Amino acid sequence: MPTYVVAMIHVHDPETYRKYTDRTPAIVTKHGGRFVTRGGAVTALEGDGFDGRMVILEFPDKASAEAWYADPEYAQARTFRHAASTAKLFVLQEGGRGA
């Protein structure tokens, strides 16, 4: 069942953050993931707006998403994200039908 990682990020050091973004795509691909969106404009339809960077990743299943996050290469890359930004990451499995 498809699983998504949603990241809401506020970058305060773009140069260091680039060290993170340079490393991440290959690690995502290694675990069967893909970028659905990567930092495009966010428009609020309801509630407060979000002026940071939003990234959505898709993985084939929750185990793949968890393996990506636990990967030692990603742990190393993540140190650059932690140094350069604040973030919230969420894992979301595709739900059943209906609202």
N, C-alpha and C. Protein backbone atom coordinates (compact mmCIF):
# COMPACT_ATOMS: atom_id res chain seq x y z
N MET A 1 0.84 -1.17 0.00
CA MET A 1 0.00 0.00 0.00
C MET A 1 0.90 1.24 0.00
N PRO A 2 0.71 2.15 -0.95
CA PRO A 2 1.55 3.34 -1.02
C PRO A 2 1.58 4.10 0.31
N THR A 3 2.76 4.60 0.63
CA THR A 3 2.97 5.36 1.85
C THR A 3 3.69 6.64 1.48
N TYR A 4 3.30 7.72 2.13
CA TYR A 4 3.85 9.03 1.82
C TYR A 4 4.58 9.60 3.03
N VAL A 5 5.66 10.31 2.77
CA VAL A 5 6.35 11.09 3.79
C VAL A 5 6.12 12.54 3.41
N VAL A 6 5.55 13.29 4.33
CA VAL A 6 5.31 14.72 4.13
C VAL A 6 6.24 15.47 5.06
N ALA A 7 7.04 16.34 4.49
CA ALA A 7 7.99 17.13 5.27
C ALA A 7 7.66 18.61 5.12
N MET A 8 7.55 19.28 6.25
CA MET A 8 7.33 20.72 6.29
C MET A 8 8.59 21.33 6.90
N ILE A 9 9.29 22.12 6.10
CA ILE A 9 10.65 22.52 6.46
C ILE A 9 10.80 24.05 6.38
N HIS A 10 11.48 24.61 7.37
CA HIS A 10 11.88 26.01 7.34
C HIS A 10 13.41 26.04 7.28
N VAL A 11 13.94 26.46 6.16
CA VAL A 11 15.39 26.49 5.95
C VAL A 11 15.95 27.83 6.38
N HIS A 12 16.97 27.80 7.24
CA HIS A 12 17.62 29.05 7.67
C HIS A 12 19.07 29.15 7.19
N ASP A 13 19.59 28.07 6.59
CA ASP A 13 20.96 28.07 6.06
C ASP A 13 20.94 27.30 4.72
N PRO A 14 20.60 27.99 3.63
CA PRO A 14 20.46 27.32 2.33
C PRO A 14 21.72 26.60 1.85
N GLU A 15 22.89 27.14 2.13
CA GLU A 15 24.13 26.51 1.67
C GLU A 15 24.33 25.14 2.32
N THR A 16 24.13 25.06 3.62
CA THR A 16 24.25 23.77 4.31
C THR A 16 23.10 22.84 3.92
N TYR A 17 21.93 23.39 3.76
CA TYR A 17 20.76 22.59 3.36
C TYR A 17 21.01 21.92 2.01
N ARG A 18 21.70 22.59 1.11
CA ARG A 18 22.02 22.03 -0.20
C ARG A 18 22.84 20.74 -0.08
N LYS A 19 23.66 20.65 0.97
CA LYS A 19 24.43 19.42 1.20
C LYS A 19 23.49 18.26 1.50
N TYR A 20 22.37 18.55 2.11
CA TYR A 20 21.33 17.55 2.37
C TYR A 20 20.60 17.18 1.08
N THR A 21 20.16 18.19 0.33
CA THR A 21 19.38 17.91 -0.88
C THR A 21 20.22 17.26 -1.98
N ASP A 22 21.52 17.47 -1.96
CA ASP A 22 22.39 16.80 -2.94
C ASP A 22 22.47 15.29 -2.69
N ARG A 23 22.33 14.88 -1.45
CA ARG A 23 22.50 13.47 -1.08
C ARG A 23 21.18 12.68 -1.08
N THR A 24 20.09 13.33 -0.81
CA THR A 24 18.83 12.65 -0.54
C THR A 24 18.21 11.90 -1.72
N PRO A 25 18.17 12.43 -2.95
CA PRO A 25 17.47 11.72 -4.03
C PRO A 25 17.94 10.29 -4.25
N ALA A 26 19.22 10.04 -4.24
CA ALA A 26 19.72 8.69 -4.47
C ALA A 26 19.29 7.74 -3.36
N ILE A 27 19.22 8.24 -2.15
CA ILE A 27 18.82 7.39 -1.02
C ILE A 27 17.33 7.09 -1.09
N VAL A 28 16.53 8.06 -1.48
CA VAL A 28 15.09 7.84 -1.66
C VAL A 28 14.88 6.77 -2.72
N THR A 29 15.55 6.90 -3.86
CA THR A 29 15.43 5.94 -4.96
C THR A 29 15.86 4.54 -4.53
N LYS A 30 16.92 4.47 -3.76
CA LYS A 30 17.43 3.19 -3.26
C LYS A 30 16.36 2.39 -2.52
N HIS A 31 15.42 3.07 -1.90
CA HIS A 31 14.37 2.42 -1.12
C HIS A 31 13.02 2.39 -1.86
N GLY A 32 13.07 2.59 -3.17
CA GLY A 32 11.86 2.50 -3.98
C GLY A 32 10.99 3.73 -3.94
N GLY A 33 11.52 4.82 -3.40
CA GLY A 33 10.73 6.04 -3.27
C GLY A 33 10.90 6.98 -4.44
N ARG A 34 10.03 7.97 -4.47
CA ARG A 34 10.10 9.03 -5.48
C ARG A 34 9.57 10.32 -4.88
N PHE A 35 10.04 11.43 -5.43
CA PHE A 35 9.54 12.74 -5.02
C PHE A 35 8.23 13.01 -5.76
N VAL A 36 7.17 13.27 -5.02
CA VAL A 36 5.90 13.70 -5.62
C VAL A 36 5.98 15.20 -5.87
N THR A 37 6.46 15.91 -4.89
CA THR A 37 6.70 17.35 -5.03
C THR A 37 7.88 17.71 -4.14
N ARG A 38 8.60 18.71 -4.56
CA ARG A 38 9.84 19.03 -3.85
C ARG A 38 10.02 20.54 -3.78
N GLY A 39 9.31 21.16 -2.84
CA GLY A 39 9.56 22.56 -2.55
C GLY A 39 8.83 23.57 -3.41
N GLY A 40 7.75 23.19 -4.05
CA GLY A 40 6.99 24.16 -4.84
C GLY A 40 6.19 25.09 -3.95
N ALA A 41 5.51 26.03 -4.57
CA ALA A 41 4.69 26.99 -3.83
C ALA A 41 3.54 26.27 -3.13
N VAL A 42 3.25 26.69 -1.91
CA VAL A 42 2.15 26.13 -1.12
C VAL A 42 1.08 27.20 -0.98
N THR A 43 -0.14 26.87 -1.34
CA THR A 43 -1.27 27.78 -1.21
C THR A 43 -2.26 27.20 -0.22
N ALA A 44 -2.61 27.96 0.80
CA ALA A 44 -3.57 27.50 1.81
C ALA A 44 -4.99 27.67 1.27
N LEU A 45 -5.76 26.61 1.34
CA LEU A 45 -7.19 26.69 1.00
C LEU A 45 -8.02 26.97 2.25
N GLU A 46 -7.53 26.52 3.38
CA GLU A 46 -8.16 26.78 4.68
C GLU A 46 -7.07 26.90 5.73
N GLY A 47 -7.32 27.64 6.76
CA GLY A 47 -6.37 27.74 7.87
C GLY A 47 -5.17 28.61 7.54
N ASP A 48 -4.19 28.53 8.43
CA ASP A 48 -2.98 29.33 8.28
C ASP A 48 -2.17 28.86 7.09
N GLY A 49 -1.51 29.79 6.44
CA GLY A 49 -0.63 29.46 5.33
C GLY A 49 0.67 28.83 5.82
N PHE A 50 1.47 28.37 4.88
CA PHE A 50 2.77 27.79 5.19
C PHE A 50 3.76 28.41 4.23
N ASP A 51 4.79 29.08 4.77
CA ASP A 51 5.74 29.77 3.91
C ASP A 51 7.09 29.06 3.81
N GLY A 52 7.14 27.82 4.25
CA GLY A 52 8.37 27.06 4.18
C GLY A 52 8.43 26.17 2.95
N ARG A 53 9.27 25.18 3.04
CA ARG A 53 9.47 24.21 1.96
C ARG A 53 8.69 22.95 2.31
N MET A 54 7.83 22.50 1.40
CA MET A 54 7.08 21.27 1.62
C MET A 54 7.54 20.24 0.60
N VAL A 55 7.82 19.04 1.10
CA VAL A 55 8.26 17.93 0.25
C VAL A 55 7.36 16.75 0.52
N ILE A 56 6.93 16.07 -0.54
CA ILE A 56 6.14 14.86 -0.40
C ILE A 56 6.85 13.75 -1.16
N LEU A 57 7.13 12.66 -0.43
CA LEU A 57 7.76 11.48 -1.00
C LEU A 57 6.73 10.35 -1.04
N GLU A 58 6.83 9.50 -2.04
CA GLU A 58 5.97 8.31 -2.11
C GLU A 58 6.86 7.07 -2.08
N PHE A 59 6.51 6.12 -1.23
CA PHE A 59 7.20 4.83 -1.14
C PHE A 59 6.18 3.73 -1.40
N PRO A 60 6.64 2.54 -1.83
CA PRO A 60 5.70 1.46 -2.13
C PRO A 60 4.93 0.99 -0.90
N ASP A 61 5.53 1.14 0.29
CA ASP A 61 4.87 0.68 1.51
C ASP A 61 5.55 1.33 2.71
N LYS A 62 4.96 1.15 3.88
CA LYS A 62 5.49 1.77 5.09
C LYS A 62 6.88 1.24 5.44
N ALA A 63 7.11 -0.05 5.22
CA ALA A 63 8.43 -0.63 5.53
C ALA A 63 9.53 0.05 4.71
N SER A 64 9.25 0.37 3.45
CA SER A 64 10.24 1.04 2.61
C SER A 64 10.52 2.46 3.11
N ALA A 65 9.47 3.16 3.53
CA ALA A 65 9.65 4.51 4.08
C ALA A 65 10.48 4.46 5.36
N GLU A 66 10.19 3.50 6.20
CA GLU A 66 10.94 3.38 7.45
C GLU A 66 12.39 2.96 7.19
N ALA A 67 12.61 2.11 6.19
CA ALA A 67 13.98 1.70 5.84
C ALA A 67 14.77 2.88 5.31
N TRP A 68 14.12 3.74 4.51
CA TRP A 68 14.77 4.95 4.02
C TRP A 68 15.20 5.84 5.19
N TYR A 69 14.29 6.07 6.12
CA TYR A 69 14.60 6.95 7.25
C TYR A 69 15.70 6.37 8.13
N ALA A 70 15.74 5.05 8.27
CA ALA A 70 16.73 4.39 9.12
C ALA A 70 18.06 4.14 8.42
N ASP A 71 18.12 4.34 7.12
CA ASP A 71 19.34 4.07 6.34
C ASP A 71 20.50 4.91 6.89
N PRO A 72 21.65 4.29 7.15
CA PRO A 72 22.80 5.04 7.67
C PRO A 72 23.23 6.20 6.76
N GLU A 73 23.10 6.02 5.45
CA GLU A 73 23.43 7.13 4.53
C GLU A 73 22.49 8.31 4.75
N TYR A 74 21.19 8.00 4.97
CA TYR A 74 20.23 9.09 5.21
C TYR A 74 20.48 9.72 6.57
N ALA A 75 20.84 8.92 7.56
CA ALA A 75 21.15 9.48 8.88
C ALA A 75 22.29 10.49 8.77
N GLN A 76 23.28 10.17 7.95
CA GLN A 76 24.40 11.11 7.75
C GLN A 76 23.92 12.37 7.02
N ALA A 77 23.12 12.21 5.97
CA ALA A 77 22.60 13.36 5.23
C ALA A 77 21.72 14.22 6.12
N ARG A 78 20.95 13.57 6.97
CA ARG A 78 20.01 14.26 7.86
C ARG A 78 20.74 15.25 8.78
N THR A 79 21.99 15.00 9.11
CA THR A 79 22.72 15.93 9.97
C THR A 79 22.79 17.32 9.34
N PHE A 80 22.89 17.39 8.01
CA PHE A 80 22.91 18.68 7.32
C PHE A 80 21.54 19.36 7.41
N ARG A 81 20.46 18.57 7.27
CA ARG A 81 19.12 19.15 7.40
C ARG A 81 18.92 19.69 8.80
N HIS A 82 19.33 18.92 9.80
CA HIS A 82 19.18 19.39 11.18
C HIS A 82 19.96 20.67 11.44
N ALA A 83 21.14 20.79 10.85
CA ALA A 83 21.97 21.98 11.04
C ALA A 83 21.42 23.19 10.31
N ALA A 84 20.69 22.97 9.23
CA ALA A 84 20.30 24.07 8.34
C ALA A 84 18.82 24.44 8.40
N SER A 85 18.02 23.67 9.15
CA SER A 85 16.58 23.90 9.09
C SER A 85 15.89 23.33 10.33
N THR A 86 14.62 23.66 10.43
CA THR A 86 13.73 22.98 11.37
C THR A 86 12.67 22.29 10.52
N ALA A 87 12.21 21.14 10.97
CA ALA A 87 11.29 20.38 10.13
C ALA A 87 10.33 19.54 10.95
N LYS A 88 9.23 19.21 10.32
CA LYS A 88 8.28 18.21 10.82
C LYS A 88 8.12 17.21 9.69
N LEU A 89 8.27 15.92 9.99
CA LEU A 89 8.09 14.85 9.00
C LEU A 89 6.97 13.94 9.47
N PHE A 90 6.11 13.57 8.54
CA PHE A 90 4.98 12.71 8.84
C PHE A 90 4.96 11.54 7.87
N VAL A 91 4.56 10.37 8.35
CA VAL A 91 4.36 9.20 7.48
C VAL A 91 2.87 8.97 7.39
N LEU A 92 2.39 8.81 6.17
CA LEU A 92 0.96 8.69 5.90
C LEU A 92 0.73 7.53 4.95
N GLN A 93 -0.03 6.53 5.39
CA GLN A 93 -0.35 5.43 4.48
C GLN A 93 -1.61 5.78 3.71
N GLU A 94 -1.66 5.30 2.47
CA GLU A 94 -2.86 5.53 1.69
C GLU A 94 -4.03 4.91 2.43
N GLY A 95 -5.09 5.66 2.57
CA GLY A 95 -6.24 5.20 3.33
C GLY A 95 -7.24 4.46 2.48
N GLY A 96 -8.29 4.01 3.12
CA GLY A 96 -9.37 3.33 2.42
C GLY A 96 -10.20 4.31 1.63
N ARG A 97 -11.21 3.84 1.02
CA ARG A 97 -12.09 4.67 0.20
C ARG A 97 -13.02 5.50 1.06
N GLY A 98 -13.42 6.65 0.58
CA GLY A 98 -14.37 7.48 1.29
C GLY A 98 -13.65 8.51 2.16
N ALA A 99 -14.40 9.48 2.63
CA ALA A 99 -13.82 10.56 3.45
C ALA A 99 -14.03 10.31 4.91
